[in-house]
């Protein structure tokens, strides 16, 4: 059996310790607030969890965007180039 990579997206809500333990990679969806586009990072690098939910409490409209085809291709090709198969759970 060939080695394979598990890739999900930021809707998975997997904490870093789980992703590290099971060697799971993920692609970031996007979210838009006040016309500004941000990566939906599971590690909340752009916004802390508190700040993110404060935006909602303050009545800000938060829209999300799907992962683009190009983003998936880039993520998959990274592993395919290493001779691995890809299992995507999105």
PDB file of N, CA and C in Angstrom:
ATOM      1  N   UNK A   1       0.845  -1.183   0.000  1.00  0.00           N
ATOM      2  CA  UNK A   1       0.000   0.000   0.000  1.00  0.00           C
ATOM      3  C   UNK A   1       0.888   1.243   0.000  1.00  0.00           C
ATOM      4  N   UNK A   2       0.550   2.194  -0.864  1.00  0.00           N
ATOM      5  CA  UNK A   2       1.325   3.432  -0.943  1.00  0.00           C
ATOM      6  C   UNK A   2       1.008   4.339   0.237  1.00  0.00           C
ATOM      7  N   UNK A   3       1.989   5.118   0.618  1.00  0.00           N
ATOM      8  CA  UNK A   3       1.780   6.117   1.656  1.00  0.00           C
ATOM      9  C   UNK A   3       0.826   7.184   1.106  1.00  0.00           C
ATOM     10  N   UNK A   4      -0.024   7.718   1.969  1.00  0.00           N
ATOM     11  CA  UNK A   4      -0.965   8.734   1.505  1.00  0.00           C
ATOM     12  C   UNK A   4      -1.047   9.882   2.495  1.00  0.00           C
ATOM     13  N   UNK A   5      -1.472  11.014   1.977  1.00  0.00           N
ATOM     14  CA  UNK A   5      -1.673  12.221   2.779  1.00  0.00           C
ATOM     15  C   UNK A   5      -3.164  12.401   3.001  1.00  0.00           C
ATOM     16  N   UNK A   6      -3.510  12.826   4.204  1.00  0.00           N
ATOM     17  CA  UNK A   6      -4.894  13.173   4.512  1.00  0.00           C
ATOM     18  C   UNK A   6      -4.978  14.699   4.493  1.00  0.00           C
ATOM     19  N   UNK A   7      -5.880  15.204   3.670  1.00  0.00           N
ATOM     20  CA  UNK A   7      -6.066  16.652   3.566  1.00  0.00           C
ATOM     21  C   UNK A   7      -7.540  16.961   3.793  1.00  0.00           C
ATOM     22  N   UNK A   8      -7.787  17.962   4.614  1.00  0.00           N
ATOM     23  CA  UNK A   8      -9.148  18.415   4.870  1.00  0.00           C
ATOM     24  C   UNK A   8      -9.187  19.922   4.620  1.00  0.00           C
ATOM     25  N   UNK A   9     -10.254  20.571   5.026  1.00  0.00           N
ATOM     26  CA  UNK A   9     -10.301  22.027   4.920  1.00  0.00           C
ATOM     27  C   UNK A   9     -10.602  22.619   6.289  1.00  0.00           C
ATOM     28  N   UNK A  10     -10.635  23.931   6.353  1.00  0.00           N
ATOM     29  CA  UNK A  10     -10.783  24.578   7.653  1.00  0.00           C
ATOM     30  C   UNK A  10     -12.167  24.419   8.262  1.00  0.00           C
ATOM     31  N   UNK A  11     -13.100  23.805   7.570  1.00  0.00           N
ATOM     32  CA  UNK A  11     -14.397  23.473   8.177  1.00  0.00           C
ATOM     33  C   UNK A  11     -14.275  22.281   9.125  1.00  0.00           C
ATOM     34  N   UNK A  12     -13.149  21.600   9.088  1.00  0.00           N
ATOM     35  CA  UNK A  12     -12.979  20.407   9.916  1.00  0.00           C
ATOM     36  C   UNK A  12     -12.893  20.733  11.403  1.00  0.00           C
ATOM     37  N   UNK A  13     -12.493  21.954  11.739  1.00  0.00           N
ATOM     38  CA  UNK A  13     -12.361  22.369  13.145  1.00  0.00           C
ATOM     39  C   UNK A  13     -11.461  21.440  13.952  1.00  0.00           C
ATOM     40  N   UNK A  14     -10.397  20.942  13.326  1.00  0.00           N
ATOM     41  CA  UNK A  14      -9.457  20.074  14.033  1.00  0.00           C
ATOM     42  C   UNK A  14      -8.374  20.912  14.705  1.00  0.00           C
ATOM     43  N   UNK A  15      -8.187  20.681  15.991  1.00  0.00           N
ATOM     44  CA  UNK A  15      -7.124  21.380  16.708  1.00  0.00           C
ATOM     45  C   UNK A  15      -5.764  20.912  16.212  1.00  0.00           C
ATOM     46  N   UNK A  16      -4.765  21.763  16.384  1.00  0.00           N
ATOM     47  CA  UNK A  16      -3.418  21.474  15.909  1.00  0.00           C
ATOM     48  C   UNK A  16      -2.868  20.172  16.472  1.00  0.00           C
ATOM     49  N   UNK A  17      -3.124  19.874  17.740  1.00  0.00           N
ATOM     50  CA  UNK A  17      -2.580  18.642  18.319  1.00  0.00           C
ATOM     51  C   UNK A  17      -3.144  17.396  17.621  1.00  0.00           C
ATOM     52  N   UNK A  18      -4.393  17.438  17.215  1.00  0.00           N
ATOM     53  CA  UNK A  18      -4.993  16.305  16.490  1.00  0.00           C
ATOM     54  C   UNK A  18      -4.407  16.226  15.084  1.00  0.00           C
ATOM     55  N   UNK A  19      -4.297  17.386  14.410  1.00  0.00           N
ATOM     56  CA  UNK A  19      -3.720  17.396  13.061  1.00  0.00           C
ATOM     57  C   UNK A  19      -2.289  16.872  13.087  1.00  0.00           C
ATOM     58  N   UNK A  20      -1.526  17.273  14.084  1.00  0.00           N
ATOM     59  CA  UNK A  20      -0.138  16.809  14.209  1.00  0.00           C
ATOM     60  C   UNK A  20      -0.082  15.316  14.532  1.00  0.00           C
ATOM     61  N   UNK A  21      -0.899  14.880  15.442  1.00  0.00           N
ATOM     62  CA  UNK A  21      -0.892  13.472  15.862  1.00  0.00           C
ATOM     63  C   UNK A  21      -1.169  12.536  14.695  1.00  0.00           C
ATOM     64  N   UNK A  22      -2.126  12.908  13.834  1.00  0.00           N
ATOM     65  CA  UNK A  22      -2.530  12.040  12.726  1.00  0.00           C
ATOM     66  C   UNK A  22      -1.982  12.509  11.374  1.00  0.00           C
ATOM     67  N   UNK A  23      -1.078  13.498  11.405  1.00  0.00           N
ATOM     68  CA  UNK A  23      -0.434  14.013  10.197  1.00  0.00           C
ATOM     69  C   UNK A  23      -1.474  14.423   9.151  1.00  0.00           C
ATOM     70  N   UNK A  24      -2.392  15.272   9.559  1.00  0.00           N
ATOM     71  CA  UNK A  24      -3.462  15.766   8.687  1.00  0.00           C
ATOM     72  C   UNK A  24      -3.131  17.195   8.268  1.00  0.00           C
ATOM     73  N   UNK A  25      -3.143  17.427   6.978  1.00  0.00           N
ATOM     74  CA  UNK A  25      -2.929  18.767   6.444  1.00  0.00           C
ATOM     75  C   UNK A  25      -4.308  19.364   6.130  1.00  0.00           C
ATOM     76  N   UNK A  26      -4.355  20.674   5.954  1.00  0.00           N
ATOM     77  CA  UNK A  26      -5.632  21.274   5.572  1.00  0.00           C
ATOM     78  C   UNK A  26      -5.408  22.481   4.679  1.00  0.00           C
ATOM     79  N   UNK A  27      -6.426  22.764   3.879  1.00  0.00           N
ATOM     80  CA  UNK A  27      -6.429  23.964   3.055  1.00  0.00           C
ATOM     81  C   UNK A  27      -7.398  24.959   3.701  1.00  0.00           C
ATOM     82  N   UNK A  28      -7.044  26.215   3.575  1.00  0.00           N
ATOM     83  CA  UNK A  28      -7.817  27.253   4.255  1.00  0.00           C
ATOM     84  C   UNK A  28      -8.935  27.792   3.366  1.00  0.00           C
ATOM     85  N   UNK A  29     -10.127  27.780   3.918  1.00  0.00           N
ATOM     86  CA  UNK A  29     -11.223  28.497   3.285  1.00  0.00           C
ATOM     87  C   UNK A  29     -10.932  29.986   3.496  1.00  0.00           C
ATOM     88  N   UNK A  30     -11.803  30.842   3.072  1.00  0.00           N
ATOM     89  CA  UNK A  30     -11.632  32.282   3.246  1.00  0.00           C
ATOM     90  C   UNK A  30     -12.869  32.842   3.940  1.00  0.00           C
ATOM     91  N   UNK A  31     -12.682  33.951   4.640  1.00  0.00           N
ATOM     92  CA  UNK A  31     -13.839  34.683   5.146  1.00  0.00           C
ATOM     93  C   UNK A  31     -13.637  36.159   4.863  1.00  0.00           C
ATOM     94  N   UNK A  32     -14.754  36.851   4.675  1.00  0.00           N
ATOM     95  CA  UNK A  32     -14.723  38.248   4.271  1.00  0.00           C
ATOM     96  C   UNK A  32     -15.482  39.072   5.308  1.00  0.00           C
ATOM     97  N   UNK A  33     -14.816  40.131   5.786  1.00  0.00           N
ATOM     98  CA  UNK A  33     -15.426  41.066   6.741  1.00  0.00           C
ATOM     99  C   UNK A  33     -15.131  42.478   6.235  1.00  0.00           C
ATOM    100  N   UNK A  34     -16.174  43.286   6.090  1.00  0.00           N
ATOM    101  CA  UNK A  34     -16.019  44.671   5.629  1.00  0.00           C
ATOM    102  C   UNK A  34     -15.203  44.771   4.341  1.00  0.00           C
ATOM    103  N   UNK A  35     -15.396  43.809   3.443  1.00  0.00           N
ATOM    104  CA  UNK A  35     -14.692  43.835   2.171  1.00  0.00           C
ATOM    105  C   UNK A  35     -13.261  43.328   2.220  1.00  0.00           C
ATOM    106  N   UNK A  36     -12.788  42.952   3.394  1.00  0.00           N
ATOM    107  CA  UNK A  36     -11.433  42.423   3.537  1.00  0.00           C
ATOM    108  C   UNK A  36     -11.480  40.900   3.585  1.00  0.00           C
ATOM    109  N   UNK A  37     -10.575  40.282   2.858  1.00  0.00           N
ATOM    110  CA  UNK A  37     -10.529  38.827   2.712  1.00  0.00           C
ATOM    111  C   UNK A  37      -9.427  38.256   3.608  1.00  0.00           C
ATOM    112  N   UNK A  38      -9.772  37.237   4.410  1.00  0.00           N
ATOM    113  CA  UNK A  38      -8.824  36.628   5.342  1.00  0.00           C
ATOM    114  C   UNK A  38      -8.853  35.102   5.209  1.00  0.00           C
ATOM    115  N   UNK A  39      -7.729  34.449   5.491  1.00  0.00           N
ATOM    116  CA  UNK A  39      -7.735  32.980   5.510  1.00  0.00           C
ATOM    117  C   UNK A  39      -8.451  32.482   6.756  1.00  0.00           C
ATOM    118  N   UNK A  40      -9.235  31.437   6.603  1.00  0.00           N
ATOM    119  CA  UNK A  40      -9.923  30.829   7.744  1.00  0.00           C
ATOM    120  C   UNK A  40      -8.982  29.789   8.349  1.00  0.00           C
ATOM    121  N   UNK A  41      -8.063  30.271   9.147  1.00  0.00           N
ATOM    122  CA  UNK A  41      -7.041  29.416   9.741  1.00  0.00           C
ATOM    123  C   UNK A  41      -7.580  28.696  10.964  1.00  0.00           C
ATOM    124  N   UNK A  42      -7.304  27.419  11.047  1.00  0.00           N
ATOM    125  CA  UNK A  42      -7.709  26.653  12.235  1.00  0.00           C
ATOM    126  C   UNK A  42      -6.910  27.053  13.467  1.00  0.00           C
ATOM    127  N   UNK A  43      -5.801  27.748  13.249  1.00  0.00           N
ATOM    128  CA  UNK A  43      -4.959  28.187  14.362  1.00  0.00           C
ATOM    129  C   UNK A  43      -5.173  29.660  14.701  1.00  0.00           C
ATOM    130  N   UNK A  44      -6.137  30.279  14.055  1.00  0.00           N
ATOM    131  CA  UNK A  44      -6.529  31.673  14.313  1.00  0.00           C
ATOM    132  C   UNK A  44      -5.334  32.617  14.328  1.00  0.00           C
ATOM    133  N   UNK A  45      -4.556  32.580  13.236  1.00  0.00           N
ATOM    134  CA  UNK A  45      -3.374  33.443  13.138  1.00  0.00           C
ATOM    135  C   UNK A  45      -3.739  34.899  12.850  1.00  0.00           C
ATOM    136  N   UNK A  46      -4.771  35.129  12.066  1.00  0.00           N
ATOM    137  CA  UNK A  46      -5.175  36.497  11.717  1.00  0.00           C
ATOM    138  C   UNK A  46      -5.985  37.154  12.833  1.00  0.00           C
ATOM    139  N   UNK A  47      -6.882  36.376  13.408  1.00  0.00           N
ATOM    140  CA  UNK A  47      -7.764  36.848  14.474  1.00  0.00           C
ATOM    141  C   UNK A  47      -7.744  35.801  15.576  1.00  0.00           C
ATOM    142  N   UNK A  48      -7.762  36.243  16.813  1.00  0.00           N
ATOM    143  CA  UNK A  48      -7.939  35.277  17.900  1.00  0.00           C
ATOM    144  C   UNK A  48      -9.396  34.799  17.850  1.00  0.00           C
ATOM    145  N   UNK A  49      -9.660  33.677  18.484  1.00  0.00           N
ATOM    146  CA  UNK A  49     -11.039  33.180  18.542  1.00  0.00           C
ATOM    147  C   UNK A  49     -11.940  34.258  19.149  1.00  0.00           C
ATOM    148  N   UNK A  50     -11.471  34.871  20.211  1.00  0.00           N
ATOM    149  CA  UNK A  50     -12.245  35.912  20.897  1.00  0.00           C
ATOM    150  C   UNK A  50     -12.554  37.072  19.948  1.00  0.00           C
ATOM    151  N   UNK A  51     -11.542  37.551  19.227  1.00  0.00           N
ATOM    152  CA  UNK A  51     -11.743  38.667  18.300  1.00  0.00           C
ATOM    153  C   UNK A  51     -12.685  38.302  17.154  1.00  0.00           C
ATOM    154  N   UNK A  52     -12.547  37.074  16.651  1.00  0.00           N
ATOM    155  CA  UNK A  52     -13.410  36.619  15.572  1.00  0.00           C
ATOM    156  C   UNK A  52     -14.877  36.650  16.003  1.00  0.00           C
ATOM    157  N   UNK A  53     -15.159  36.084  17.167  1.00  0.00           N
ATOM    158  CA  UNK A  53     -16.553  36.061  17.619  1.00  0.00           C
ATOM    159  C   UNK A  53     -17.038  37.433  18.077  1.00  0.00           C
ATOM    160  N   UNK A  54     -16.135  38.290  18.487  1.00  0.00           N
ATOM    161  CA  UNK A  54     -16.522  39.666  18.797  1.00  0.00           C
ATOM    162  C   UNK A  54     -17.009  40.397  17.555  1.00  0.00           C
ATOM    163  N   UNK A  55     -16.428  40.075  16.404  1.00  0.00           N
ATOM    164  CA  UNK A  55     -16.925  40.670  15.159  1.00  0.00           C
ATOM    165  C   UNK A  55     -18.402  40.346  14.968  1.00  0.00           C
ATOM    166  N   UNK A  56     -18.765  39.092  15.231  1.00  0.00           N
ATOM    167  CA  UNK A  56     -20.171  38.692  15.105  1.00  0.00           C
ATOM    168  C   UNK A  56     -21.036  39.368  16.159  1.00  0.00           C
ATOM    169  N   UNK A  57     -20.541  39.391  17.391  1.00  0.00           N
ATOM    170  CA  UNK A  57     -21.310  40.038  18.465  1.00  0.00           C
ATOM    171  C   UNK A  57     -21.550  41.516  18.157  1.00  0.00           C
ATOM    172  N   UNK A  58     -20.571  42.130  17.465  1.00  0.00           N
ATOM    173  CA  UNK A  58     -20.687  43.542  17.107  1.00  0.00           C
ATOM    174  C   UNK A  58     -21.558  43.764  15.873  1.00  0.00           C
ATOM    175  N   UNK A  59     -22.136  42.666  15.357  1.00  0.00           N
ATOM    176  CA  UNK A  59     -23.061  42.782  14.238  1.00  0.00           C
ATOM    177  C   UNK A  59     -22.406  42.790  12.863  1.00  0.00           C
ATOM    178  N   UNK A  60     -21.112  42.508  12.798  1.00  0.00           N
ATOM    179  CA  UNK A  60     -20.437  42.462  11.506  1.00  0.00           C
ATOM    180  C   UNK A  60     -20.939  41.260  10.706  1.00  0.00           C
ATOM    181  N   UNK A  61     -21.110  41.479   9.429  1.00  0.00           N
ATOM    182  CA  UNK A  61     -21.507  40.383   8.549  1.00  0.00           C
ATOM    183  C   UNK A  61     -20.239  39.667   8.090  1.00  0.00           C
ATOM    184  N   UNK A  62     -20.175  38.383   8.370  1.00  0.00           N
ATOM    185  CA  UNK A  62     -19.031  37.575   7.968  1.00  0.00           C
ATOM    186  C   UNK A  62     -19.508  36.597   6.902  1.00  0.00           C
ATOM    187  N   UNK A  63     -18.883  36.673   5.745  1.00  0.00           N
ATOM    188  CA  UNK A  63     -19.200  35.749   4.657  1.00  0.00           C
ATOM    189  C   UNK A  63     -18.012  34.806   4.484  1.00  0.00           C
ATOM    190  N   UNK A  64     -18.294  33.617   4.002  1.00  0.00           N
ATOM    191  CA  UNK A  64     -17.229  32.657   3.769  1.00  0.00           C
ATOM    192  C   UNK A  64     -17.136  32.344   2.283  1.00  0.00           C
ATOM    193  N   UNK A  65     -15.988  31.836   1.896  1.00  0.00           N
ATOM    194  CA  UNK A  65     -15.768  31.442   0.506  1.00  0.00           C
ATOM    195  C   UNK A  65     -15.141  30.057   0.500  1.00  0.00           C
ATOM    196  N   UNK A  66     -15.550  29.271  -0.473  1.00  0.00           N
ATOM    197  CA  UNK A  66     -15.012  27.921  -0.595  1.00  0.00           C
ATOM    198  C   UNK A  66     -13.533  27.972  -0.957  1.00  0.00           C
ATOM    199  N   UNK A  67     -12.876  26.858  -0.713  1.00  0.00           N
ATOM    200  CA  UNK A  67     -11.494  26.708  -1.148  1.00  0.00           C
ATOM    201  C   UNK A  67     -11.497  26.678  -2.674  1.00  0.00           C
ATOM    202  N   UNK A  68     -10.592  27.412  -3.274  1.00  0.00           N
ATOM    203  CA  UNK A  68     -10.557  27.455  -4.735  1.00  0.00           C
ATOM    204  C   UNK A  68      -9.949  26.170  -5.297  1.00  0.00           C
ATOM    205  N   UNK A  69     -10.272  25.922  -6.545  1.00  0.00           N
ATOM    206  CA  UNK A  69      -9.704  24.760  -7.237  1.00  0.00           C
ATOM    207  C   UNK A  69      -8.178  24.843  -7.245  1.00  0.00           C
ATOM    208  N   UNK A  70      -7.646  26.027  -7.493  1.00  0.00           N
ATOM    209  CA  UNK A  70      -6.195  26.219  -7.546  1.00  0.00           C
ATOM    210  C   UNK A  70      -5.537  25.884  -6.206  1.00  0.00           C
ATOM    211  N   UNK A  71      -6.193  26.230  -5.114  1.00  0.00           N
ATOM    212  CA  UNK A  71      -5.657  25.933  -3.784  1.00  0.00           C
ATOM    213  C   UNK A  71      -5.609  24.429  -3.550  1.00  0.00           C
ATOM    214  N   UNK A  72      -6.684  23.725  -3.944  1.00  0.00           N
ATOM    215  CA  UNK A  72      -6.682  22.263  -3.816  1.00  0.00           C
ATOM    216  C   UNK A  72      -5.591  21.637  -4.685  1.00  0.00           C
ATOM    217  N   UNK A  73      -5.477  22.100  -5.915  1.00  0.00           N
ATOM    218  CA  UNK A  73      -4.469  21.545  -6.822  1.00  0.00           C
ATOM    219  C   UNK A  73      -3.074  21.719  -6.221  1.00  0.00           C
ATOM    220  N   UNK A  74      -2.795  22.893  -5.717  1.00  0.00           N
ATOM    221  CA  UNK A  74      -1.481  23.151  -5.103  1.00  0.00           C
ATOM    222  C   UNK A  74      -1.227  22.207  -3.919  1.00  0.00           C
ATOM    223  N   UNK A  75      -2.223  22.038  -3.082  1.00  0.00           N
ATOM    224  CA  UNK A  75      -2.071  21.162  -1.903  1.00  0.00           C
ATOM    225  C   UNK A  75      -1.891  19.708  -2.325  1.00  0.00           C
ATOM    226  N   UNK A  76      -2.682  19.253  -3.274  1.00  0.00           N
ATOM    227  CA  UNK A  76      -2.593  17.859  -3.714  1.00  0.00           C
ATOM    228  C   UNK A  76      -1.266  17.589  -4.409  1.00  0.00           C
ATOM    229  N   UNK A  77      -0.853  18.510  -5.299  1.00  0.00           N
ATOM    230  CA  UNK A  77       0.377  18.295  -6.053  1.00  0.00           C
ATOM    231  C   UNK A  77       1.611  18.231  -5.154  1.00  0.00           C
ATOM    232  N   UNK A  78       1.561  18.924  -4.025  1.00  0.00           N
ATOM    233  CA  UNK A  78       2.666  18.875  -3.067  1.00  0.00           C
ATOM    234  C   UNK A  78       2.932  17.423  -2.641  1.00  0.00           C
ATOM    235  N   UNK A  79       1.870  16.671  -2.401  1.00  0.00           N
ATOM    236  CA  UNK A  79       2.007  15.282  -1.955  1.00  0.00           C
ATOM    237  C   UNK A  79       2.184  14.320  -3.130  1.00  0.00           C
ATOM    238  N   UNK A  80       1.499  14.587  -4.228  1.00  0.00           N
ATOM    239  CA  UNK A  80       1.640  13.728  -5.406  1.00  0.00           C
ATOM    240  C   UNK A  80       3.077  13.744  -5.912  1.00  0.00           C
ATOM    241  N   UNK A  81       3.741  14.896  -5.821  1.00  0.00           N
ATOM    242  CA  UNK A  81       5.138  15.019  -6.254  1.00  0.00           C
ATOM    243  C   UNK A  81       6.068  14.162  -5.397  1.00  0.00           C
ATOM    244  N   UNK A  82       5.617  13.831  -4.189  1.00  0.00           N
ATOM    245  CA  UNK A  82       6.400  12.978  -3.287  1.00  0.00           C
ATOM    246  C   UNK A  82       6.053  11.501  -3.474  1.00  0.00           C
ATOM    247  N   UNK A  83       5.208  11.207  -4.479  1.00  0.00           N
ATOM    248  CA  UNK A  83       4.825   9.834  -4.756  1.00  0.00           C
ATOM    249  C   UNK A  83       3.729   9.313  -3.848  1.00  0.00           C
ATOM    250  N   UNK A  84       3.046  10.226  -3.169  1.00  0.00           N
ATOM    251  CA  UNK A  84       1.985   9.836  -2.236  1.00  0.00           C
ATOM    252  C   UNK A  84       0.623   9.944  -2.918  1.00  0.00           C
ATOM    253  N   UNK A  85      -0.325   9.173  -2.416  1.00  0.00           N
ATOM    254  CA  UNK A  85      -1.713   9.330  -2.795  1.00  0.00           C
ATOM    255  C   UNK A  85      -2.328  10.361  -1.846  1.00  0.00           C
ATOM    256  N   UNK A  86      -3.506  10.856  -2.194  1.00  0.00           N
ATOM    257  CA  UNK A  86      -4.180  11.868  -1.374  1.00  0.00           C
ATOM    258  C   UNK A  86      -5.584  11.393  -1.016  1.00  0.00           C
ATOM    259  N   UNK A  87      -5.901  11.472   0.263  1.00  0.00           N
ATOM    260  CA  UNK A  87      -7.257  11.236   0.738  1.00  0.00           C
ATOM    261  C   UNK A  87      -7.777  12.594   1.202  1.00  0.00           C
ATOM    262  N   UNK A  88      -8.774  13.105   0.494  1.00  0.00           N
ATOM    263  CA  UNK A  88      -9.340  14.406   0.833  1.00  0.00           C
ATOM    264  C   UNK A  88     -10.676  14.207   1.536  1.00  0.00           C
ATOM    265  N   UNK A  89     -10.798  14.814   2.695  1.00  0.00           N
ATOM    266  CA  UNK A  89     -12.046  14.774   3.468  1.00  0.00           C
ATOM    267  C   UNK A  89     -12.475  16.224   3.672  1.00  0.00           C
ATOM    268  N   UNK A  90     -13.467  16.637   2.888  1.00  0.00           N
ATOM    269  CA  UNK A  90     -13.875  18.044   2.934  1.00  0.00           C
ATOM    270  C   UNK A  90     -15.362  18.167   3.176  1.00  0.00           C
TER     271      UNK A  90
END
